Amino acid sequence: MKITEDVRKYAAEQGIAEEEALQKGLAEKSEEFTEKGREVYANA
């Protein structure tokens, strides 16, 4: 439920549709994952 609320809030702030907000968020997380070395379990 919290994630859904966050997506709706983000979409409203950006002035975009919820589906577009989801796609944008997934793209950003994908880029972040790649930048951090594509490791599922990072060494702390």
PDB file of N, CA and C in Angstrom:
ATOM      1  N   MET A   1       0.807  -1.193   0.000  1.00  0.00           N
ATOM      2  CA  MET A   1       0.000   0.000   0.000  1.00  0.00           C
ATOM      3  C   MET A   1       0.858   1.268   0.000  1.00  0.00           C
ATOM      4  N   LYS A   2       1.916   1.254   0.782  1.00  0.00           N
ATOM      5  CA  LYS A   2       2.788   2.427   0.874  1.00  0.00           C
ATOM      6  C   LYS A   2       3.431   2.729  -0.477  1.00  0.00           C
ATOM      7  N   ILE A   3       3.846   1.687  -1.184  1.00  0.00           N
ATOM      8  CA  ILE A   3       4.479   1.896  -2.488  1.00  0.00           C
ATOM      9  C   ILE A   3       3.486   2.531  -3.451  1.00  0.00           C
ATOM     10  N   THR A   4       2.258   2.044  -3.452  1.00  0.00           N
ATOM     11  CA  THR A   4       1.227   2.596  -4.331  1.00  0.00           C
ATOM     12  C   THR A   4       1.005   4.073  -4.035  1.00  0.00           C
ATOM     13  N   GLU A   5       0.936   4.417  -2.765  1.00  0.00           N
ATOM     14  CA  GLU A   5       0.763   5.824  -2.373  1.00  0.00           C
ATOM     15  C   GLU A   5       1.951   6.658  -2.841  1.00  0.00           C
ATOM     16  N   ASP A   6       3.156   6.116  -2.692  1.00  0.00           N
ATOM     17  CA  ASP A   6       4.357   6.841  -3.115  1.00  0.00           C
ATOM     18  C   ASP A   6       4.363   7.069  -4.620  1.00  0.00           C
ATOM     19  N   VAL A   7       3.956   6.062  -5.376  1.00  0.00           N
ATOM     20  CA  VAL A   7       3.912   6.191  -6.841  1.00  0.00           C
ATOM     21  C   VAL A   7       2.894   7.246  -7.239  1.00  0.00           C
ATOM     22  N   ARG A   8       1.738   7.208  -6.636  1.00  0.00           N
ATOM     23  CA  ARG A   8       0.704   8.197  -6.958  1.00  0.00           C
ATOM     24  C   ARG A   8       1.167   9.611  -6.626  1.00  0.00           C
ATOM     25  N   LYS A   9       1.820   9.760  -5.473  1.00  0.00           N
ATOM     26  CA  LYS A   9       2.322  11.069  -5.065  1.00  0.00           C
ATOM     27  C   LYS A   9       3.394  11.554  -6.037  1.00  0.00           C
ATOM     28  N   TYR A  10       4.331  10.672  -6.388  1.00  0.00           N
ATOM     29  CA  TYR A  10       5.403  11.025  -7.323  1.00  0.00           C
ATOM     30  C   TYR A  10       4.816  11.426  -8.678  1.00  0.00           C
ATOM     31  N   ALA A  11       3.847  10.651  -9.161  1.00  0.00           N
ATOM     32  CA  ALA A  11       3.226  10.943 -10.454  1.00  0.00           C
ATOM     33  C   ALA A  11       2.550  12.310 -10.425  1.00  0.00           C
ATOM     34  N   ALA A  12       1.853  12.600  -9.336  1.00  0.00           N
ATOM     35  CA  ALA A  12       1.180  13.899  -9.219  1.00  0.00           C
ATOM     36  C   ALA A  12       2.191  15.040  -9.186  1.00  0.00           C
ATOM     37  N   GLU A  13       3.288  14.849  -8.454  1.00  0.00           N
ATOM     38  CA  GLU A  13       4.312  15.884  -8.365  1.00  0.00           C
ATOM     39  C   GLU A  13       4.975  16.135  -9.713  1.00  0.00           C
ATOM     40  N   GLN A  14       5.163  15.065 -10.489  1.00  0.00           N
ATOM     41  CA  GLN A  14       5.824  15.183 -11.789  1.00  0.00           C
ATOM     42  C   GLN A  14       4.853  15.556 -12.905  1.00  0.00           C
ATOM     43  N   GLY A  15       3.548  15.468 -12.629  1.00  0.00           N
ATOM     44  CA  GLY A  15       2.539  15.775 -13.633  1.00  0.00           C
ATOM     45  C   GLY A  15       2.467  14.717 -14.717  1.00  0.00           C
ATOM     46  N   ILE A  16       2.698  13.454 -14.326  1.00  0.00           N
ATOM     47  CA  ILE A  16       2.669  12.356 -15.284  1.00  0.00           C
ATOM     48  C   ILE A  16       1.699  11.276 -14.799  1.00  0.00           C
ATOM     49  N   ALA A  17       1.354  10.345 -15.683  1.00  0.00           N
ATOM     50  CA  ALA A  17       0.462   9.249 -15.337  1.00  0.00           C
ATOM     51  C   ALA A  17       1.175   8.257 -14.426  1.00  0.00           C
ATOM     52  N   GLU A  18       0.399   7.513 -13.648  1.00  0.00           N
ATOM     53  CA  GLU A  18       0.983   6.539 -12.724  1.00  0.00           C
ATOM     54  C   GLU A  18       1.825   5.501 -13.463  1.00  0.00           C
ATOM     55  N   GLU A  19       1.339   5.019 -14.596  1.00  0.00           N
ATOM     56  CA  GLU A  19       2.081   4.011 -15.365  1.00  0.00           C
ATOM     57  C   GLU A  19       3.417   4.582 -15.837  1.00  0.00           C
ATOM     58  N   GLU A  20       3.408   5.819 -16.276  1.00  0.00           N
ATOM     59  CA  GLU A  20       4.645   6.472 -16.708  1.00  0.00           C
ATOM     60  C   GLU A  20       5.610   6.638 -15.531  1.00  0.00           C
ATOM     61  N   ALA A  21       5.063   6.948 -14.355  1.00  0.00           N
ATOM     62  CA  ALA A  21       5.889   7.083 -13.157  1.00  0.00           C
ATOM     63  C   ALA A  21       6.546   5.752 -12.812  1.00  0.00           C
ATOM     64  N   LEU A  22       5.799   4.663 -12.942  1.00  0.00           N
ATOM     65  CA  LEU A  22       6.361   3.334 -12.680  1.00  0.00           C
ATOM     66  C   LEU A  22       7.500   3.019 -13.643  1.00  0.00           C
ATOM     67  N   GLN A  23       7.285   3.285 -14.922  1.00  0.00           N
ATOM     68  CA  GLN A  23       8.316   3.013 -15.928  1.00  0.00           C
ATOM     69  C   GLN A  23       9.563   3.863 -15.682  1.00  0.00           C
ATOM     70  N   LYS A  24       9.355   5.109 -15.343  1.00  0.00           N
ATOM     71  CA  LYS A  24      10.482   6.012 -15.077  1.00  0.00           C
ATOM     72  C   LYS A  24      11.256   5.541 -13.846  1.00  0.00           C
ATOM     73  N   GLY A  25      10.541   5.151 -12.801  1.00  0.00           N
ATOM     74  CA  GLY A  25      11.184   4.666 -11.584  1.00  0.00           C
ATOM     75  C   GLY A  25      11.976   3.386 -11.817  1.00  0.00           C
ATOM     76  N   LEU A  26      11.409   2.472 -12.604  1.00  0.00           N
ATOM     77  CA  LEU A  26      12.114   1.229 -12.918  1.00  0.00           C
ATOM     78  C   LEU A  26      13.376   1.515 -13.732  1.00  0.00           C
ATOM     79  N   ALA A  27      13.293   2.450 -14.655  1.00  0.00           N
ATOM     80  CA  ALA A  27      14.459   2.804 -15.465  1.00  0.00           C
ATOM     81  C   ALA A  27      15.557   3.407 -14.588  1.00  0.00           C
ATOM     82  N   GLU A  28      15.166   4.252 -13.649  1.00  0.00           N
ATOM     83  CA  GLU A  28      16.148   4.865 -12.747  1.00  0.00           C
ATOM     84  C   GLU A  28      16.822   3.808 -11.869  1.00  0.00           C
ATOM     85  N   LYS A  29      16.047   2.856 -11.352  1.00  0.00           N
ATOM     86  CA  LYS A  29      16.606   1.797 -10.502  1.00  0.00           C
ATOM     87  C   LYS A  29      17.517   0.882 -11.321  1.00  0.00           C
ATOM     88  N   SER A  30      17.163   0.627 -12.571  1.00  0.00           N
ATOM     89  CA  SER A  30      17.991  -0.188 -13.440  1.00  0.00           C
ATOM     90  C   SER A  30      19.344   0.475 -13.665  1.00  0.00           C
ATOM     91  N   GLU A  31      19.316   1.771 -13.913  1.00  0.00           N
ATOM     92  CA  GLU A  31      20.557   2.529 -14.113  1.00  0.00           C
ATOM     93  C   GLU A  31      21.409   2.512 -12.843  1.00  0.00           C
ATOM     94  N   GLU A  32      20.766   2.687 -11.701  1.00  0.00           N
ATOM     95  CA  GLU A  32      21.474   2.665 -10.419  1.00  0.00           C
ATOM     96  C   GLU A  32      22.124   1.297 -10.194  1.00  0.00           C
ATOM     97  N   PHE A  33      21.405   0.233 -10.505  1.00  0.00           N
ATOM     98  CA  PHE A  33      21.914  -1.123 -10.357  1.00  0.00           C
ATOM     99  C   PHE A  33      23.156  -1.329 -11.223  1.00  0.00           C
ATOM    100  N   THR A  34      23.104  -0.863 -12.457  1.00  0.00           N
ATOM    101  CA  THR A  34      24.228  -0.995 -13.379  1.00  0.00           C
ATOM    102  C   THR A  34      25.435  -0.204 -12.873  1.00  0.00           C
ATOM    103  N   GLU A  35      25.202   1.012 -12.400  1.00  0.00           N
ATOM    104  CA  GLU A  35      26.293   1.856 -11.905  1.00  0.00           C
ATOM    105  C   GLU A  35      26.988   1.247 -10.687  1.00  0.00           C
ATOM    106  N   LYS A  36      26.245   0.491  -9.905  1.00  0.00           N
ATOM    107  CA  LYS A  36      26.809  -0.095  -8.687  1.00  0.00           C
ATOM    108  C   LYS A  36      27.426  -1.464  -8.925  1.00  0.00           C
ATOM    109  N   GLY A  37      27.593  -1.841 -10.181  1.00  0.00           N
ATOM    110  CA  GLY A  37      28.316  -3.059 -10.492  1.00  0.00           C
ATOM    111  C   GLY A  37      27.470  -4.299 -10.727  1.00  0.00           C
ATOM    112  N   ARG A  38      26.164  -4.143 -10.810  1.00  0.00           N
ATOM    113  CA  ARG A  38      25.264  -5.251 -11.119  1.00  0.00           C
ATOM    114  C   ARG A  38      25.371  -6.408 -10.125  1.00  0.00           C
ATOM    115  N   GLU A  39      25.634  -6.112  -8.896  1.00  0.00           N
ATOM    116  CA  GLU A  39      25.723  -7.124  -7.853  1.00  0.00           C
ATOM    117  C   GLU A  39      24.440  -7.113  -7.026  1.00  0.00           C
ATOM    118  N   VAL A  40      23.823  -8.286  -6.871  1.00  0.00           N
ATOM    119  CA  VAL A  40      22.604  -8.383  -6.090  1.00  0.00           C
ATOM    120  C   VAL A  40      22.922  -8.158  -4.620  1.00  0.00           C
ATOM    121  N   TYR A  41      23.991  -8.783  -4.162  1.00  0.00           N
ATOM    122  CA  TYR A  41      24.410  -8.648  -2.778  1.00  0.00           C
ATOM    123  C   TYR A  41      25.719  -7.865  -2.738  1.00  0.00           C
ATOM    124  N   ALA A  42      25.612  -6.593  -2.390  1.00  0.00           N
ATOM    125  CA  ALA A  42      26.805  -5.744  -2.340  1.00  0.00           C
ATOM    126  C   ALA A  42      27.549  -5.973  -1.040  1.00  0.00           C
ATOM    127  N   ASN A  43      28.868  -5.900  -1.109  1.00  0.00           N
ATOM    128  CA  ASN A  43      29.680  -6.002   0.108  1.00  0.00           C
ATOM    129  C   ASN A  43      29.508  -4.741   0.926  1.00  0.00           C
ATOM    130  N   ALA A  44      29.208  -4.922   2.189  1.00  0.00           N
ATOM    131  CA  ALA A  44      28.953  -3.771   3.054  1.00  0.00           C
ATOM    132  C   ALA A  44      30.227  -3.181   3.582  1.00  0.00           C
TER     133      ALA A  44
END
